[in-house]
C-alpha cells in the first residue's frame, strides 16, 4: 500500500530493543512476525532503508489493533525508524547525528512544517 509524500506527517523513533544481527532473524526475515519499518539506524550511525517513504509499514500498534489514534493513523501517516539498542540505552553520538539528518531530510522531502508530537 502506498501513500503520497505529502501524506507523511512525521516520524516515530523506536528503540529496536536489540542488536542488528538478531533483529534480522527475529523480525525482518520472520514470516510469522507482522512488523516493518522504513529505516534502521545502527549504533555506529549507519543507516539502512528497508522501504520507500511512500510505503505504509507496520510499526505502530499491535496486529489487530484498530485504534485510530495508534496503529491505523500512525502507520498511515508516520515514517518508522528503529534505533539499535535496548530499553533505557542512550543513543550514541553517531545515532543522534544520523537520526537528526534523517529527520531534516524527511521534513524537507515531505513538506512537513508542523510535525505531530506525542502528548
PDB file of N, CA and C in Angstrom:
ATOM      1  N   UNK A   1       0.849  -1.168   0.000  1.00  0.00           N
ATOM      2  CA  UNK A   1       0.000   0.000   0.000  1.00  0.00           C
ATOM      3  C   UNK A   1       0.898   1.236   0.000  1.00  0.00           C
ATOM      4  N   UNK A   2       0.513   2.225  -0.803  1.00  0.00           N
ATOM      5  CA  UNK A   2       1.330   3.428  -0.924  1.00  0.00           C
ATOM      6  C   UNK A   2       0.566   4.671  -0.469  1.00  0.00           C
ATOM      7  N   UNK A   3       1.325   5.686  -0.130  1.00  0.00           N
ATOM      8  CA  UNK A   3       0.782   6.994   0.211  1.00  0.00           C
ATOM      9  C   UNK A   3       1.605   8.033  -0.544  1.00  0.00           C
ATOM     10  N   UNK A   4       1.107   9.240  -0.649  1.00  0.00           N
ATOM     11  CA  UNK A   4       1.894  10.303  -1.265  1.00  0.00           C
ATOM     12  C   UNK A   4       2.850  10.873  -0.222  1.00  0.00           C
ATOM     13  N   UNK A   5       3.892  11.509  -0.669  1.00  0.00           N
ATOM     14  CA  UNK A   5       4.851  12.099   0.268  1.00  0.00           C
ATOM     15  C   UNK A   5       4.190  13.168   1.137  1.00  0.00           C
ATOM     16  N   UNK A   6       3.229  13.910   0.574  1.00  0.00           N
ATOM     17  CA  UNK A   6       2.597  14.951   1.382  1.00  0.00           C
ATOM     18  C   UNK A   6       1.611  14.388   2.397  1.00  0.00           C
ATOM     19  N   UNK A   7       1.354  13.078   2.373  1.00  0.00           N
ATOM     20  CA  UNK A   7       0.522  12.431   3.401  1.00  0.00           C
ATOM     21  C   UNK A   7       1.332  12.099   4.654  1.00  0.00           C
ATOM     22  N   UNK A   8       2.659  12.161   4.554  1.00  0.00           N
ATOM     23  CA  UNK A   8       3.530  11.880   5.702  1.00  0.00           C
ATOM     24  C   UNK A   8       3.514  13.085   6.633  1.00  0.00           C
ATOM     25  N   UNK A   9       3.196  12.835   7.905  1.00  0.00           N
ATOM     26  CA  UNK A   9       3.101  13.908   8.892  1.00  0.00           C
ATOM     27  C   UNK A   9       4.285  13.957   9.854  1.00  0.00           C
ATOM     28  N   UNK A  10       5.095  12.911   9.890  1.00  0.00           N
ATOM     29  CA  UNK A  10       6.218  12.889  10.820  1.00  0.00           C
ATOM     30  C   UNK A  10       6.819  11.508  10.918  1.00  0.00           C
ATOM     31  N   UNK A  11       7.508  11.268  12.027  1.00  0.00           N
ATOM     32  CA  UNK A  11       8.230  10.014  12.236  1.00  0.00           C
ATOM     33  C   UNK A  11       7.945   9.459  13.631  1.00  0.00           C
ATOM     34  N   UNK A  12       8.175   8.172  13.767  1.00  0.00           N
ATOM     35  CA  UNK A  12       8.192   7.541  15.081  1.00  0.00           C
ATOM     36  C   UNK A  12       9.582   6.944  15.241  1.00  0.00           C
ATOM     37  N   UNK A  13      10.283   7.383  16.277  1.00  0.00           N
ATOM     38  CA  UNK A  13      11.639   6.925  16.538  1.00  0.00           C
ATOM     39  C   UNK A  13      11.581   5.862  17.628  1.00  0.00           C
ATOM     40  N   UNK A  14      11.694   4.616  17.200  1.00  0.00           N
ATOM     41  CA  UNK A  14      11.584   3.467  18.101  1.00  0.00           C
ATOM     42  C   UNK A  14      12.961   3.014  18.577  1.00  0.00           C
ATOM     43  N   UNK A  15      12.976   2.305  19.695  1.00  0.00           N
ATOM     44  CA  UNK A  15      14.148   1.561  20.132  1.00  0.00           C
ATOM     45  C   UNK A  15      13.991   0.142  19.612  1.00  0.00           C
ATOM     46  N   UNK A  16      15.029  -0.371  18.991  1.00  0.00           N
ATOM     47  CA  UNK A  16      14.977  -1.709  18.411  1.00  0.00           C
ATOM     48  C   UNK A  16      14.808  -2.791  19.474  1.00  0.00           C
ATOM     49  N   UNK A  17      15.178  -2.483  20.695  1.00  0.00           N
ATOM     50  CA  UNK A  17      15.132  -3.475  21.777  1.00  0.00           C
ATOM     51  C   UNK A  17      15.972  -4.692  21.427  1.00  0.00           C
ATOM     52  N   UNK A  18      17.121  -4.422  20.836  1.00  0.00           N
ATOM     53  CA  UNK A  18      18.026  -5.497  20.488  1.00  0.00           C
ATOM     54  C   UNK A  18      19.163  -4.984  19.623  1.00  0.00           C
ATOM     55  N   UNK A  19      19.900  -5.941  19.074  1.00  0.00           N
ATOM     56  CA  UNK A  19      21.032  -5.620  18.216  1.00  0.00           C
ATOM     57  C   UNK A  19      20.727  -6.041  16.796  1.00  0.00           C
ATOM     58  N   UNK A  20      21.332  -5.357  15.872  1.00  0.00           N
ATOM     59  CA  UNK A  20      21.030  -5.527  14.458  1.00  0.00           C
ATOM     60  C   UNK A  20      21.065  -6.973  13.966  1.00  0.00           C
ATOM     61  N   UNK A  21      22.102  -7.754  14.214  1.00  0.00           N
ATOM     62  CA  UNK A  21      22.074  -9.123  13.673  1.00  0.00           C
ATOM     63  C   UNK A  21      20.872  -9.940  14.168  1.00  0.00           C
ATOM     64  N   UNK A  22      20.502  -9.783  15.429  1.00  0.00           N
ATOM     65  CA  UNK A  22      19.374 -10.539  15.972  1.00  0.00           C
ATOM     66  C   UNK A  22      18.041 -10.105  15.410  1.00  0.00           C
ATOM     67  N   UNK A  23      17.916  -8.839  15.074  1.00  0.00           N
ATOM     68  CA  UNK A  23      16.656  -8.331  14.524  1.00  0.00           C
ATOM     69  C   UNK A  23      16.418  -8.871  13.126  1.00  0.00           C
ATOM     70  N   UNK A  24      17.473  -9.083  12.381  1.00  0.00           N
ATOM     71  CA  UNK A  24      17.315  -9.632  11.033  1.00  0.00           C
ATOM     72  C   UNK A  24      16.573 -10.961  11.110  1.00  0.00           C
ATOM     73  N   UNK A  25      17.014 -11.851  12.001  1.00  0.00           N
ATOM     74  CA  UNK A  25      16.385 -13.168  12.122  1.00  0.00           C
ATOM     75  C   UNK A  25      15.027 -13.099  12.811  1.00  0.00           C
ATOM     76  N   UNK A  26      14.931 -12.342  13.892  1.00  0.00           N
ATOM     77  CA  UNK A  26      13.723 -12.351  14.721  1.00  0.00           C
ATOM     78  C   UNK A  26      12.559 -11.586  14.110  1.00  0.00           C
ATOM     79  N   UNK A  27      12.847 -10.578  13.323  1.00  0.00           N
ATOM     80  CA  UNK A  27      11.765  -9.724  12.823  1.00  0.00           C
ATOM     81  C   UNK A  27      11.739  -9.667  11.306  1.00  0.00           C
ATOM     82  N   UNK A  28      12.812  -9.177  10.712  1.00  0.00           N
ATOM     83  CA  UNK A  28      12.798  -8.898   9.277  1.00  0.00           C
ATOM     84  C   UNK A  28      12.595 -10.158   8.442  1.00  0.00           C
ATOM     85  N   UNK A  29      13.273 -11.241   8.790  1.00  0.00           N
ATOM     86  CA  UNK A  29      13.171 -12.470   7.995  1.00  0.00           C
ATOM     87  C   UNK A  29      12.216 -13.488   8.607  1.00  0.00           C
ATOM     88  N   UNK A  30      11.410 -13.087   9.578  1.00  0.00           N
ATOM     89  CA  UNK A  30      10.472 -13.985  10.239  1.00  0.00           C
ATOM     90  C   UNK A  30       9.087 -13.838   9.615  1.00  0.00           C
ATOM     91  N   UNK A  31       8.626 -14.846   8.857  1.00  0.00           N
ATOM     92  CA  UNK A  31       7.323 -14.736   8.197  1.00  0.00           C
ATOM     93  C   UNK A  31       6.140 -14.717   9.171  1.00  0.00           C
ATOM     94  N   UNK A  32       6.364 -15.115  10.424  1.00  0.00           N
ATOM     95  CA  UNK A  32       5.289 -15.132  11.419  1.00  0.00           C
ATOM     96  C   UNK A  32       5.151 -13.808  12.168  1.00  0.00           C
ATOM     97  N   UNK A  33       6.014 -12.861  11.905  1.00  0.00           N
ATOM     98  CA  UNK A  33       6.015 -11.585  12.624  1.00  0.00           C
ATOM     99  C   UNK A  33       5.507 -10.479  11.715  1.00  0.00           C
ATOM    100  N   UNK A  34       4.481  -9.772  12.147  1.00  0.00           N
ATOM    101  CA  UNK A  34       3.971  -8.648  11.372  1.00  0.00           C
ATOM    102  C   UNK A  34       4.610  -7.374  11.906  1.00  0.00           C
ATOM    103  N   UNK A  35       5.706  -6.993  11.308  1.00  0.00           N
ATOM    104  CA  UNK A  35       6.395  -5.766  11.700  1.00  0.00           C
ATOM    105  C   UNK A  35       7.254  -5.323  10.526  1.00  0.00           C
ATOM    106  N   UNK A  36       7.243  -4.030  10.271  1.00  0.00           N
ATOM    107  CA  UNK A  36       8.093  -3.473   9.232  1.00  0.00           C
ATOM    108  C   UNK A  36       8.316  -2.000   9.546  1.00  0.00           C
ATOM    109  N   UNK A  37       9.397  -1.456   9.051  1.00  0.00           N
ATOM    110  CA  UNK A  37       9.709  -0.050   9.271  1.00  0.00           C
ATOM    111  C   UNK A  37      10.577   0.413   8.125  1.00  0.00           C
ATOM    112  N   UNK A  38      10.678   1.715   8.000  1.00  0.00           N
ATOM    113  CA  UNK A  38      11.358   2.312   6.867  1.00  0.00           C
ATOM    114  C   UNK A  38      12.879   2.341   7.014  1.00  0.00           C
ATOM    115  N   UNK A  39      13.355   2.721   8.198  1.00  0.00           N
ATOM    116  CA  UNK A  39      14.787   2.934   8.400  1.00  0.00           C
ATOM    117  C   UNK A  39      15.273   2.259   9.676  1.00  0.00           C
ATOM    118  N   UNK A  40      16.512   1.783   9.635  1.00  0.00           N
ATOM    119  CA  UNK A  40      17.219   1.310  10.821  1.00  0.00           C
ATOM    120  C   UNK A  40      18.478   2.152  10.966  1.00  0.00           C
ATOM    121  N   UNK A  41      18.746   2.590  12.202  1.00  0.00           N
ATOM    122  CA  UNK A  41      19.943   3.363  12.494  1.00  0.00           C
ATOM    123  C   UNK A  41      20.762   2.584  13.523  1.00  0.00           C
ATOM    124  N   UNK A  42      21.927   2.122  13.092  1.00  0.00           N
ATOM    125  CA  UNK A  42      22.785   1.323  13.962  1.00  0.00           C
ATOM    126  C   UNK A  42      23.553   2.207  14.933  1.00  0.00           C
ATOM    127  N   UNK A  43      24.135   1.599  15.953  1.00  0.00           N
ATOM    128  CA  UNK A  43      24.903   2.343  16.961  1.00  0.00           C
ATOM    129  C   UNK A  43      26.031   3.163  16.338  1.00  0.00           C
ATOM    130  N   UNK A  44      26.625   2.632  15.260  1.00  0.00           N
ATOM    131  CA  UNK A  44      27.732   3.356  14.625  1.00  0.00           C
ATOM    132  C   UNK A  44      27.247   4.453  13.675  1.00  0.00           C
ATOM    133  N   UNK A  45      25.927   4.648  13.597  1.00  0.00           N
ATOM    134  CA  UNK A  45      25.352   5.689  12.752  1.00  0.00           C
ATOM    135  C   UNK A  45      24.980   5.237  11.356  1.00  0.00           C
ATOM    136  N   UNK A  46      25.319   4.009  11.012  1.00  0.00           N
ATOM    137  CA  UNK A  46      24.976   3.510   9.679  1.00  0.00           C
ATOM    138  C   UNK A  46      23.465   3.461   9.536  1.00  0.00           C
ATOM    139  N   UNK A  47      22.984   3.893   8.385  1.00  0.00           N
ATOM    140  CA  UNK A  47      21.555   3.978   8.105  1.00  0.00           C
ATOM    141  C   UNK A  47      21.177   2.961   7.030  1.00  0.00           C
ATOM    142  N   UNK A  48      20.146   2.186   7.310  1.00  0.00           N
ATOM    143  CA  UNK A  48      19.591   1.260   6.328  1.00  0.00           C
ATOM    144  C   UNK A  48      18.168   1.687   6.015  1.00  0.00           C
ATOM    145  N   UNK A  49      17.818   1.711   4.731  1.00  0.00           N
ATOM    146  CA  UNK A  49      16.437   1.969   4.330  1.00  0.00           C
ATOM    147  C   UNK A  49      15.856   0.667   3.810  1.00  0.00           C
ATOM    148  N   UNK A  50      14.744   0.232   4.425  1.00  0.00           N
ATOM    149  CA  UNK A  50      14.120  -1.034   4.066  1.00  0.00           C
ATOM    150  C   UNK A  50      12.943  -0.858   3.117  1.00  0.00           C
ATOM    151  N   UNK A  51      12.261   0.267   3.203  1.00  0.00           N
ATOM    152  CA  UNK A  51      11.100   0.562   2.371  1.00  0.00           C
ATOM    153  C   UNK A  51      11.177   2.013   1.925  1.00  0.00           C
ATOM    154  N   UNK A  52      10.497   2.313   0.830  1.00  0.00           N
ATOM    155  CA  UNK A  52      10.380   3.699   0.382  1.00  0.00           C
ATOM    156  C   UNK A  52       9.504   4.462   1.373  1.00  0.00           C
ATOM    157  N   UNK A  53       9.694   5.757   1.461  1.00  0.00           N
ATOM    158  CA  UNK A  53       8.898   6.573   2.376  1.00  0.00           C
ATOM    159  C   UNK A  53       7.414   6.494   2.022  1.00  0.00           C
ATOM    160  N   UNK A  54       7.105   6.315   0.758  1.00  0.00           N
ATOM    161  CA  UNK A  54       5.701   6.213   0.331  1.00  0.00           C
ATOM    162  C   UNK A  54       5.039   4.907   0.761  1.00  0.00           C
ATOM    163  N   UNK A  55       5.821   3.902   1.115  1.00  0.00           N
ATOM    164  CA  UNK A  55       5.261   2.626   1.566  1.00  0.00           C
ATOM    165  C   UNK A  55       4.685   2.774   2.972  1.00  0.00           C
ATOM    166  N   UNK A  56       3.565   2.128   3.224  1.00  0.00           N
ATOM    167  CA  UNK A  56       2.969   2.117   4.557  1.00  0.00           C
ATOM    168  C   UNK A  56       3.459   0.858   5.267  1.00  0.00           C
ATOM    169  N   UNK A  57       4.254   1.057   6.295  1.00  0.00           N
ATOM    170  CA  UNK A  57       4.808  -0.061   7.066  1.00  0.00           C
ATOM    171  C   UNK A  57       3.986  -0.269   8.330  1.00  0.00           C
ATOM    172  N   UNK A  58       4.240  -1.388   9.016  1.00  0.00           N
ATOM    173  CA  UNK A  58       3.540  -1.708  10.260  1.00  0.00           C
ATOM    174  C   UNK A  58       4.525  -1.557  11.417  1.00  0.00           C
ATOM    175  N   UNK A  59       4.556  -0.359  12.016  1.00  0.00           N
ATOM    176  CA  UNK A  59       5.490  -0.091  13.111  1.00  0.00           C
ATOM    177  C   UNK A  59       4.798   0.526  14.317  1.00  0.00           C
ATOM    178  N   UNK A  60       3.530   0.848  14.212  1.00  0.00           N
ATOM    179  CA  UNK A  60       2.769   1.453  15.315  1.00  0.00           C
ATOM    180  C   UNK A  60       1.647   0.516  15.726  1.00  0.00           C
ATOM    181  N   UNK A  61       1.483   0.306  16.999  1.00  0.00           N
ATOM    182  CA  UNK A  61       0.381  -0.524  17.482  1.00  0.00           C
ATOM    183  C   UNK A  61       0.662  -2.007  17.358  1.00  0.00           C
ATOM    184  N   UNK A  62      -0.319  -2.785  17.732  1.00  0.00           N
ATOM    185  CA  UNK A  62      -0.223  -4.232  17.703  1.00  0.00           C
ATOM    186  C   UNK A  62      -1.063  -4.785  16.560  1.00  0.00           C
ATOM    187  N   UNK A  63      -0.710  -5.942  16.001  1.00  0.00           N
ATOM    188  CA  UNK A  63      -1.543  -6.541  14.975  1.00  0.00           C
ATOM    189  C   UNK A  63      -2.984  -6.685  15.477  1.00  0.00           C
ATOM    190  N   UNK A  64      -3.928  -6.282  14.644  1.00  0.00           N
ATOM    191  CA  UNK A  64      -5.338  -6.362  15.015  1.00  0.00           C
ATOM    192  C   UNK A  64      -5.843  -5.158  15.776  1.00  0.00           C
ATOM    193  N   UNK A  65      -4.935  -4.269  16.192  1.00  0.00           N
ATOM    194  CA  UNK A  65      -5.318  -3.053  16.904  1.00  0.00           C
ATOM    195  C   UNK A  65      -5.958  -2.097  15.908  1.00  0.00           C
ATOM    196  N   UNK A  66      -7.219  -1.766  16.109  1.00  0.00           N
ATOM    197  CA  UNK A  66      -7.905  -0.875  15.184  1.00  0.00           C
ATOM    198  C   UNK A  66      -8.122   0.506  15.772  1.00  0.00           C
ATOM    199  N   UNK A  67      -7.377   0.851  16.812  1.00  0.00           N
ATOM    200  CA  UNK A  67      -7.485   2.192  17.385  1.00  0.00           C
ATOM    201  C   UNK A  67      -6.968   3.204  16.374  1.00  0.00           C
ATOM    202  N   UNK A  68      -7.781   4.168  16.030  1.00  0.00           N
ATOM    203  CA  UNK A  68      -7.412   5.145  15.017  1.00  0.00           C
ATOM    204  C   UNK A  68      -6.243   6.021  15.456  1.00  0.00           C
ATOM    205  N   UNK A  69      -6.072   6.227  16.762  1.00  0.00           N
ATOM    206  CA  UNK A  69      -5.009   7.115  17.215  1.00  0.00           C
ATOM    207  C   UNK A  69      -3.657   6.432  17.319  1.00  0.00           C
ATOM    208  N   UNK A  70      -3.600   5.145  17.150  1.00  0.00           N
ATOM    209  CA  UNK A  70      -2.311   4.461  17.241  1.00  0.00           C
ATOM    210  C   UNK A  70      -1.986   3.750  15.939  1.00  0.00           C
ATOM    211  N   UNK A  71      -2.432   2.545  15.790  1.00  0.00           N
ATOM    212  CA  UNK A  71      -1.967   1.751  14.653  1.00  0.00           C
ATOM    213  C   UNK A  71      -2.438   2.275  13.314  1.00  0.00           C
ATOM    214  N   UNK A  72      -3.703   2.574  13.164  1.00  0.00           N
ATOM    215  CA  UNK A  72      -4.172   2.959  11.840  1.00  0.00           C
ATOM    216  C   UNK A  72      -3.563   4.271  11.369  1.00  0.00           C
ATOM    217  N   UNK A  73      -3.771   5.329  12.125  1.00  0.00           N
ATOM    218  CA  UNK A  73      -3.252   6.625  11.699  1.00  0.00           C
ATOM    219  C   UNK A  73      -1.732   6.643  11.757  1.00  0.00           C
ATOM    220  N   UNK A  74      -1.159   6.095  12.807  1.00  0.00           N
ATOM    221  CA  UNK A  74       0.295   6.090  12.918  1.00  0.00           C
ATOM    222  C   UNK A  74       0.976   5.393  11.766  1.00  0.00           C
ATOM    223  N   UNK A  75       0.494   4.238  11.390  1.00  0.00           N
ATOM    224  CA  UNK A  75       1.109   3.513  10.284  1.00  0.00           C
ATOM    225  C   UNK A  75       0.889   4.213   8.949  1.00  0.00           C
ATOM    226  N   UNK A  76      -0.246   4.854   8.785  1.00  0.00           N
ATOM    227  CA  UNK A  76      -0.564   5.505   7.515  1.00  0.00           C
ATOM    228  C   UNK A  76       0.190   6.821   7.357  1.00  0.00           C
ATOM    229  N   UNK A  77       0.383   7.559   8.442  1.00  0.00           N
ATOM    230  CA  UNK A  77       0.920   8.917   8.312  1.00  0.00           C
ATOM    231  C   UNK A  77       2.359   9.103   8.796  1.00  0.00           C
ATOM    232  N   UNK A  78       2.937   8.118   9.457  1.00  0.00           N
ATOM    233  CA  UNK A  78       4.259   8.302  10.048  1.00  0.00           C
ATOM    234  C   UNK A  78       5.302   7.348   9.465  1.00  0.00           C
ATOM    235  N   UNK A  79       6.522   7.809   9.408  1.00  0.00           N
ATOM    236  CA  UNK A  79       7.666   7.012   8.969  1.00  0.00           C
ATOM    237  C   UNK A  79       8.232   6.306  10.192  1.00  0.00           C
ATOM    238  N   UNK A  80       8.478   5.010  10.087  1.00  0.00           N
ATOM    239  CA  UNK A  80       9.014   4.235  11.200  1.00  0.00           C
ATOM    240  C   UNK A  80      10.526   4.125  11.152  1.00  0.00           C
ATOM    241  N   UNK A  81      11.151   4.408  12.293  1.00  0.00           N
ATOM    242  CA  UNK A  81      12.605   4.317  12.406  1.00  0.00           C
ATOM    243  C   UNK A  81      12.955   3.505  13.644  1.00  0.00           C
ATOM    244  N   UNK A  82      13.848   2.569  13.487  1.00  0.00           N
ATOM    245  CA  UNK A  82      14.328   1.750  14.604  1.00  0.00           C
ATOM    246  C   UNK A  82      15.782   2.087  14.876  1.00  0.00           C
ATOM    247  N   UNK A  83      16.088   2.311  16.140  1.00  0.00           N
ATOM    248  CA  UNK A  83      17.451   2.612  16.564  1.00  0.00           C
ATOM    249  C   UNK A  83      18.005   1.406  17.316  1.00  0.00           C
ATOM    250  N   UNK A  84      19.130   0.901  16.876  1.00  0.00           N
ATOM    251  CA  UNK A  84      19.758  -0.250  17.520  1.00  0.00           C
ATOM    252  C   UNK A  84      20.036   0.066  18.987  1.00  0.00           C
ATOM    253  N   UNK A  85      19.669  -0.869  19.852  1.00  0.00           N
ATOM    254  CA  UNK A  85      19.916  -0.703  21.276  1.00  0.00           C
ATOM    255  C   UNK A  85      18.769  -1.261  22.091  1.00  0.00           C
ATOM    256  N   UNK A  86      18.907  -1.175  23.391  1.00  0.00           N
ATOM    257  CA  UNK A  86      17.939  -1.744  24.321  1.00  0.00           C
ATOM    258  C   UNK A  86      17.227  -0.629  25.093  1.00  0.00           C
ATOM    259  N   UNK A  87      16.118  -0.974  25.748  1.00  0.00           N
ATOM    260  CA  UNK A  87      15.350  -0.004  26.542  1.00  0.00           C
ATOM    261  C   UNK A  87      16.261   0.674  27.554  1.00  0.00           C
ATOM    262  N   UNK A  88      16.170   1.986  27.624  1.00  0.00           N
ATOM    263  CA  UNK A  88      16.974   2.742  28.579  1.00  0.00           C
ATOM    264  C   UNK A  88      18.379   3.060  28.103  1.00  0.00           C
ATOM    265  N   UNK A  89      18.794   2.473  27.005  1.00  0.00           N
ATOM    266  CA  UNK A  89      20.137   2.723  26.471  1.00  0.00           C
ATOM    267  C   UNK A  89      20.124   4.035  25.689  1.00  0.00           C
ATOM    268  N   UNK A  90      21.027   4.921  26.015  1.00  0.00           N
ATOM    269  CA  UNK A  90      21.104   6.197  25.313  1.00  0.00           C
ATOM    270  C   UNK A  90      21.584   5.997  23.878  1.00  0.00           C
ATOM    271  N   UNK A  91      21.099   6.842  22.980  1.00  0.00           N
ATOM    272  CA  UNK A  91      21.605   6.815  21.613  1.00  0.00           C
ATOM    273  C   UNK A  91      23.063   7.253  21.607  1.00  0.00           C
ATOM    274  N   UNK A  92      23.827   6.695  20.689  1.00  0.00           N
ATOM    275  CA  UNK A  92      25.216   7.114  20.530  1.00  0.00           C
ATOM    276  C   UNK A  92      25.251   8.461  19.801  1.00  0.00           C
ATOM    277  N   UNK A  93      26.377   9.148  19.867  1.00  0.00           N
ATOM    278  CA  UNK A  93      26.516  10.407  19.135  1.00  0.00           C
ATOM    279  C   UNK A  93      26.326  10.193  17.635  1.00  0.00           C
ATOM    280  N   UNK A  94      26.805   9.061  17.137  1.00  0.00           N
ATOM    281  CA  UNK A  94      26.634   8.749  15.712  1.00  0.00           C
ATOM    282  C   UNK A  94      25.153   8.550  15.373  1.00  0.00           C
ATOM    283  N   UNK A  95      24.394   7.871  16.240  1.00  0.00           N
ATOM    284  CA  UNK A  95      22.958   7.700  16.009  1.00  0.00           C
ATOM    285  C   UNK A  95      22.238   9.045  16.039  1.00  0.00           C
ATOM    286  N   UNK A  96      22.609   9.894  16.970  1.00  0.00           N
ATOM    287  CA  UNK A  96      21.976  11.209  17.072  1.00  0.00           C
ATOM    288  C   UNK A  96      22.225  12.014  15.799  1.00  0.00           C
ATOM    289  N   UNK A  97      23.447  11.996  15.302  1.00  0.00           N
ATOM    290  CA  UNK A  97      23.766  12.731  14.075  1.00  0.00           C
ATOM    291  C   UNK A  97      22.970  12.192  12.895  1.00  0.00           C
ATOM    292  N   UNK A  98      22.901  10.870  12.773  1.00  0.00           N
ATOM    293  CA  UNK A  98      22.186  10.269  11.649  1.00  0.00           C
ATOM    294  C   UNK A  98      20.684  10.518  11.745  1.00  0.00           C
ATOM    295  N   UNK A  99      20.106  10.324  12.922  1.00  0.00           N
ATOM    296  CA  UNK A  99      18.658  10.488  13.059  1.00  0.00           C
ATOM    297  C   UNK A  99      18.250  11.955  12.900  1.00  0.00           C
ATOM    298  N   UNK A 100      19.100  12.875  13.320  1.00  0.00           N
ATOM    299  CA  UNK A 100      18.821  14.300  13.142  1.00  0.00           C
ATOM    300  C   UNK A 100      18.829  14.669  11.663  1.00  0.00           C
ATOM    301  N   UNK A 101      19.806  14.161  10.930  1.00  0.00           N
ATOM    302  CA  UNK A 101      19.870  14.421   9.480  1.00  0.00           C
ATOM    303  C   UNK A 101      18.692  13.769   8.769  1.00  0.00           C
ATOM    304  N   UNK A 102      18.333  12.559   9.170  1.00  0.00           N
ATOM    305  CA  UNK A 102      17.202  11.864   8.558  1.00  0.00           C
ATOM    306  C   UNK A 102      15.911  12.660   8.763  1.00  0.00           C
ATOM    307  N   UNK A 103      15.705  13.174   9.964  1.00  0.00           N
ATOM    308  CA  UNK A 103      14.519  13.990  10.239  1.00  0.00           C
ATOM    309  C   UNK A 103      14.483  15.214   9.324  1.00  0.00           C
ATOM    310  N   UNK A 104      15.602  15.901   9.191  1.00  0.00           N
ATOM    311  CA  UNK A 104      15.661  17.084   8.323  1.00  0.00           C
ATOM    312  C   UNK A 104      15.345  16.710   6.873  1.00  0.00           C
ATOM    313  N   UNK A 105      15.893  15.581   6.422  1.00  0.00           N
ATOM    314  CA  UNK A 105      15.653  15.148   5.040  1.00  0.00           C
ATOM    315  C   UNK A 105      14.185  14.785   4.810  1.00  0.00           C
ATOM    316  N   UNK A 106      13.585  14.052   5.750  1.00  0.00           N
ATOM    317  CA  UNK A 106      12.180  13.664   5.611  1.00  0.00           C
ATOM    318  C   UNK A 106      11.281  14.890   5.641  1.00  0.00           C
ATOM    319  N   UNK A 107      11.532  15.804   6.542  1.00  0.00           N
ATOM    320  CA  UNK A 107      10.710  17.023   6.625  1.00  0.00           C
ATOM    321  C   UNK A 107      10.804  17.831   5.336  1.00  0.00           C
ATOM    322  N   UNK A 108      11.997  17.954   4.784  1.00  0.00           N
ATOM    323  CA  UNK A 108      12.173  18.692   3.535  1.00  0.00           C
ATOM    324  C   UNK A 108      11.472  17.973   2.382  1.00  0.00           C
ATOM    325  N   UNK A 109      11.703  16.679   2.263  1.00  0.00           N
ATOM    326  CA  UNK A 109      11.143  15.892   1.163  1.00  0.00           C
ATOM    327  C   UNK A 109       9.614  15.856   1.198  1.00  0.00           C
ATOM    328  N   UNK A 110       9.045  15.761   2.397  1.00  0.00           N
ATOM    329  CA  UNK A 110       7.589  15.614   2.546  1.00  0.00           C
ATOM    330  C   UNK A 110       6.882  16.936   2.807  1.00  0.00           C
ATOM    331  N   UNK A 111       7.609  18.031   2.895  1.00  0.00           N
ATOM    332  CA  UNK A 111       6.997  19.328   3.140  1.00  0.00           C
ATOM    333  C   UNK A 111       6.381  19.465   4.529  1.00  0.00           C
ATOM    334  N   UNK A 112       7.009  18.832   5.515  1.00  0.00           N
ATOM    335  CA  UNK A 112       6.480  18.867   6.884  1.00  0.00           C
ATOM    336  C   UNK A 112       6.978  20.137   7.582  1.00  0.00           C
ATOM    337  N   UNK A 113       6.036  20.976   7.988  1.00  0.00           N
ATOM    338  CA  UNK A 113       6.413  22.190   8.702  1.00  0.00           C
ATOM    339  C   UNK A 113       5.994  22.145  10.171  1.00  0.00           C
ATOM    340  N   UNK A 114       4.985  21.332  10.489  1.00  0.00           N
ATOM    341  CA  UNK A 114       4.484  21.257  11.857  1.00  0.00           C
ATOM    342  C   UNK A 114       4.176  19.800  12.195  1.00  0.00           C
ATOM    343  N   UNK A 115       5.230  18.991  12.512  1.00  0.00           N
ATOM    344  CA  UNK A 115       5.002  17.567  12.763  1.00  0.00           C
ATOM    345  C   UNK A 115       4.196  17.339  14.034  1.00  0.00           C
ATOM    346  N   UNK A 116       3.452  16.232  14.093  1.00  0.00           N
ATOM    347  CA  UNK A 116       2.703  15.918  15.316  1.00  0.00           C
ATOM    348  C   UNK A 116       3.650  15.552  16.448  1.00  0.00           C
ATOM    349  N   UNK A 117       3.223  15.766  17.666  1.00  0.00           N
ATOM    350  CA  UNK A 117       4.009  15.372  18.823  1.00  0.00           C
ATOM    351  C   UNK A 117       3.158  14.520  19.738  1.00  0.00           C
ATOM    352  N   UNK A 118       3.807  13.669  20.481  1.00  0.00           N
ATOM    353  CA  UNK A 118       3.109  12.796  21.419  1.00  0.00           C
ATOM    354  C   UNK A 118       2.742  13.588  22.657  1.00  0.00           C
ATOM    355  N   UNK A 119       1.486  13.478  23.107  1.00  0.00           N
ATOM    356  CA  UNK A 119       1.081  14.215  24.310  1.00  0.00           C
ATOM    357  C   UNK A 119       1.810  13.759  25.550  1.00  0.00           C
TER     358      UNK A 119
END
